[in-house]
Each structure stands twice: as C-alpha cells, then as structure tokens.
Amino acid sequence: MSDITKHLDTPWLKAKVNVQNGDHIRFDDEGVDDTDQQGNSRLKLGVTVIRGQEEITSKFFSPNRTNLKEIVKCYGTESADWVGKEMLVAIEKVRNPQTGEKVDSVALYAPGSNPL
C-alpha cells in the first residue's frame, strides 16, 4: 500500500500532519485579517516549518488566543516585528469546543524553551 500522507496535507499548519513536536515555525509575513468558517475574525499568517536545519514546508497559520499571547510575550504586539522570527512547536491535546473531543493542536513556545 502507498503512503497516503500527501492526501492528508492542507494549506494550513496542522499538528502531526505537516508540523511535528519539536519543529520550529518562522513567520514569513505580518499576516492579514481573515474570517473563519463561522465568520469570526482571525489573523492569517504565512509560516515556514523548520525541522533541524531544514525548511520543510510553507503553510498558513491562524494562532489561537493562547498562541497569540506567547508570540506577543516573545516579540511584542506589532506583527510586522514577527517576520523572520521563530517559535518552538509542541503538539498538545486540547478539547475541541464544538465536539468536546480531544484533538492534537499546535502550541507555540519561546525558542530555546523546553516544554516537550
């Protein structure tokens, strides 16, 4: 049987699909205002996934409130200042508010921290 991973891929950053525990993401742009499927406002950022020294892929990322707080703690409130900066990725289980099911989620931490 062939590897179906490529069929699971998406233009969005997705835990355990195109980003793994211990990867880094680099912010490629300052983001744009966007709306999600429910019509809620969100920030849509372009990021590059980095594994070791290798750039793996470029994706879109819309950080949740917790991730935004961590980014702001590291780099400030002006998203233009984030461009070229990196964050450490940890994959954590969180509860999906719509279904109540626990799902894998991207959690961001300061580079050099050790949440893993």
C-alpha atoms as a PDB file:
ATOM      1  CA  MET A   1       0.000   0.000   0.000  1.00  0.00           C
ATOM      2  CA  SER A   2       1.273   3.524  -0.725  1.00  0.00           C
ATOM      3  CA  ASP A   3       1.812   6.300   1.827  1.00  0.00           C
ATOM      4  CA  ILE A   4      -1.350   8.471   1.928  1.00  0.00           C
ATOM      5  CA  THR A   5       0.211  11.336   3.921  1.00  0.00           C
ATOM      6  CA  LYS A   6       0.231  13.619   0.877  1.00  0.00           C
ATOM      7  CA  HIS A   7      -3.553  13.264   0.635  1.00  0.00           C
ATOM      8  CA  LEU A   8      -3.966  14.495   4.219  1.00  0.00           C
ATOM      9  CA  ASP A   9      -1.967  17.662   3.622  1.00  0.00           C
ATOM     10  CA  THR A  10      -3.601  21.075   3.674  1.00  0.00           C
ATOM     11  CA  PRO A  11      -2.501  24.677   3.052  1.00  0.00           C
ATOM     12  CA  TRP A  12      -2.910  25.208   6.814  1.00  0.00           C
ATOM     13  CA  LEU A  13      -0.477  24.246   9.574  1.00  0.00           C
ATOM     14  CA  LYS A  14      -1.827  21.013  11.071  1.00  0.00           C
ATOM     15  CA  ALA A  15      -0.498  19.128  14.078  1.00  0.00           C
ATOM     16  CA  LYS A  16       1.086  15.758  13.229  1.00  0.00           C
ATOM     17  CA  VAL A  17       0.313  16.222   9.506  1.00  0.00           C
ATOM     18  CA  ASN A  18       2.754  18.907   8.363  1.00  0.00           C
ATOM     19  CA  VAL A  19       4.306  20.004  11.665  1.00  0.00           C
ATOM     20  CA  GLN A  20       5.699  17.773  14.434  1.00  0.00           C
ATOM     21  CA  ASN A  21       6.633  18.038  18.090  1.00  0.00           C
ATOM     22  CA  GLY A  22       9.965  19.906  18.342  1.00  0.00           C
ATOM     23  CA  ASP A  23       9.753  21.635  14.947  1.00  0.00           C
ATOM     24  CA  HIS A  24      10.084  25.410  14.711  1.00  0.00           C
ATOM     25  CA  ILE A  25       7.955  27.789  12.684  1.00  0.00           C
ATOM     26  CA  ARG A  26       9.273  31.016  11.190  1.00  0.00           C
ATOM     27  CA  PHE A  27       6.898  33.889  10.496  1.00  0.00           C
ATOM     28  CA  ASP A  28       7.130  34.793   6.791  1.00  0.00           C
ATOM     29  CA  ASP A  29       4.779  37.782   6.801  1.00  0.00           C
ATOM     30  CA  GLU A  30       2.943  40.093   9.180  1.00  0.00           C
ATOM     31  CA  GLY A  31      -0.367  38.394   8.420  1.00  0.00           C
ATOM     32  CA  VAL A  32      -3.718  39.579   7.154  1.00  0.00           C
ATOM     33  CA  ASP A  33      -7.132  39.907   8.734  1.00  0.00           C
ATOM     34  CA  ASP A  34      -9.276  36.951   7.712  1.00  0.00           C
ATOM     35  CA  THR A  35     -12.524  35.259   8.752  1.00  0.00           C
ATOM     36  CA  ASP A  36     -13.016  31.632   9.715  1.00  0.00           C
ATOM     37  CA  GLN A  37     -15.865  29.345   8.593  1.00  0.00           C
ATOM     38  CA  GLN A  38     -18.117  30.732  11.348  1.00  0.00           C
ATOM     39  CA  GLY A  39     -17.460  34.329  10.251  1.00  0.00           C
ATOM     40  CA  ASN A  40     -15.179  35.148  13.195  1.00  0.00           C
ATOM     41  CA  SER A  41     -12.244  37.499  12.648  1.00  0.00           C
ATOM     42  CA  ARG A  42      -8.788  35.926  12.811  1.00  0.00           C
ATOM     43  CA  LEU A  43      -5.179  36.656  11.914  1.00  0.00           C
ATOM     44  CA  LYS A  44      -3.868  34.572   8.985  1.00  0.00           C
ATOM     45  CA  LEU A  45      -0.058  34.279   8.936  1.00  0.00           C
ATOM     46  CA  GLY A  46       2.330  32.695   6.462  1.00  0.00           C
ATOM     47  CA  VAL A  47       4.845  30.440   8.231  1.00  0.00           C
ATOM     48  CA  THR A  48       7.660  28.067   7.277  1.00  0.00           C
ATOM     49  CA  VAL A  49       8.090  24.789   9.165  1.00  0.00           C
ATOM     50  CA  ILE A  50      11.719  24.124  10.112  1.00  0.00           C
ATOM     51  CA  ARG A  51      12.895  20.678  11.244  1.00  0.00           C
ATOM     52  CA  GLY A  52      16.501  20.736  12.432  1.00  0.00           C
ATOM     53  CA  GLN A  53      18.205  22.981   9.881  1.00  0.00           C
ATOM     54  CA  GLU A  54      15.855  22.079   7.008  1.00  0.00           C
ATOM     55  CA  GLU A  55      12.903  24.129   5.772  1.00  0.00           C
ATOM     56  CA  ILE A  56      10.149  21.546   5.361  1.00  0.00           C
ATOM     57  CA  THR A  57       7.113  23.420   4.018  1.00  0.00           C
ATOM     58  CA  SER A  58       5.288  26.762   3.965  1.00  0.00           C
ATOM     59  CA  LYS A  59       1.752  26.953   5.392  1.00  0.00           C
ATOM     60  CA  PHE A  60      -0.898  29.326   6.682  1.00  0.00           C
ATOM     61  CA  PHE A  61      -1.382  29.574  10.446  1.00  0.00           C
ATOM     62  CA  SER A  62      -4.114  31.256  12.445  1.00  0.00           C
ATOM     63  CA  PRO A  63      -2.952  31.368  16.075  1.00  0.00           C
ATOM     64  CA  ASN A  64      -5.481  30.907  18.862  1.00  0.00           C
ATOM     65  CA  ARG A  65      -5.565  33.250  21.855  1.00  0.00           C
ATOM     66  CA  THR A  66      -3.041  31.166  23.845  1.00  0.00           C
ATOM     67  CA  ASN A  67      -0.544  31.103  20.970  1.00  0.00           C
ATOM     68  CA  LEU A  68      -1.023  34.839  20.339  1.00  0.00           C
ATOM     69  CA  LYS A  69      -0.196  35.567  23.991  1.00  0.00           C
ATOM     70  CA  GLU A  70       3.008  33.517  23.694  1.00  0.00           C
ATOM     71  CA  ILE A  71       4.035  35.252  20.453  1.00  0.00           C
ATOM     72  CA  VAL A  72       3.344  38.690  21.967  1.00  0.00           C
ATOM     73  CA  LYS A  73       5.348  37.772  25.080  1.00  0.00           C
ATOM     74  CA  CYS A  74       8.336  36.980  22.837  1.00  0.00           C
ATOM     75  CA  TYR A  75       8.077  39.574  20.088  1.00  0.00           C
ATOM     76  CA  GLY A  76       5.547  42.278  21.014  1.00  0.00           C
ATOM     77  CA  THR A  77       2.141  43.294  19.673  1.00  0.00           C
ATOM     78  CA  GLU A  78       3.232  44.528  16.226  1.00  0.00           C
ATOM     79  CA  SER A  79       3.020  41.542  13.875  1.00  0.00           C
ATOM     80  CA  ALA A  80       5.397  43.219  11.386  1.00  0.00           C
ATOM     81  CA  ASP A  81       8.109  42.725  14.047  1.00  0.00           C
ATOM     82  CA  TRP A  82       7.492  38.950  13.998  1.00  0.00           C
ATOM     83  CA  VAL A  83       8.669  38.494  10.394  1.00  0.00           C
ATOM     84  CA  GLY A  84      11.751  36.253  10.306  1.00  0.00           C
ATOM     85  CA  LYS A  85      11.351  35.245  13.971  1.00  0.00           C
ATOM     86  CA  GLU A  86      10.866  31.641  15.122  1.00  0.00           C
ATOM     87  CA  MET A  87       8.774  29.796  17.713  1.00  0.00           C
ATOM     88  CA  LEU A  88       9.132  26.239  19.039  1.00  0.00           C
ATOM     89  CA  VAL A  89       6.220  23.877  18.311  1.00  0.00           C
ATOM     90  CA  ALA A  90       4.806  21.388  20.799  1.00  0.00           C
ATOM     91  CA  ILE A  91       1.873  19.159  19.882  1.00  0.00           C
ATOM     92  CA  GLU A  92      -0.644  19.108  22.736  1.00  0.00           C
ATOM     93  CA  LYS A  93      -4.082  17.584  23.222  1.00  0.00           C
ATOM     94  CA  VAL A  94      -6.877  20.153  23.609  1.00  0.00           C
ATOM     95  CA  ARG A  95     -10.640  19.868  23.750  1.00  0.00           C
ATOM     96  CA  ASN A  96     -12.470  20.892  20.564  1.00  0.00           C
ATOM     97  CA  PRO A  97     -15.160  23.344  21.746  1.00  0.00           C
ATOM     98  CA  GLN A  98     -17.640  22.222  19.054  1.00  0.00           C
ATOM     99  CA  THR A  99     -17.375  18.455  19.623  1.00  0.00           C
ATOM    100  CA  GLY A 100     -15.863  18.106  23.096  1.00  0.00           C
ATOM    101  CA  GLU A 101     -13.380  15.632  21.586  1.00  0.00           C
ATOM    102  CA  LYS A 102      -9.659  15.861  22.461  1.00  0.00           C
ATOM    103  CA  VAL A 103      -7.597  16.689  19.368  1.00  0.00           C
ATOM    104  CA  ASP A 104      -3.940  17.362  18.552  1.00  0.00           C
ATOM    105  CA  SER A 105      -3.135  21.051  18.478  1.00  0.00           C
ATOM    106  CA  VAL A 106      -0.126  23.255  17.730  1.00  0.00           C
ATOM    107  CA  ALA A 107       1.173  25.029  20.843  1.00  0.00           C
ATOM    108  CA  LEU A 108       3.881  27.665  20.451  1.00  0.00           C
ATOM    109  CA  TYR A 109       6.701  28.340  22.910  1.00  0.00           C
ATOM    110  CA  ALA A 110       9.681  30.664  23.015  1.00  0.00           C
ATOM    111  CA  PRO A 111      12.687  29.363  21.096  1.00  0.00           C
ATOM    112  CA  GLY A 112      15.117  27.683  23.479  1.00  0.00           C
ATOM    113  CA  SER A 113      12.420  26.753  25.989  1.00  0.00           C
ATOM    114  CA  ASN A 114      11.849  23.105  26.876  1.00  0.00           C
ATOM    115  CA  PRO A 115       8.110  22.302  27.029  1.00  0.00           C
ATOM    116  CA  LEU A 116       8.498  18.884  25.370  1.00  0.00           C
END
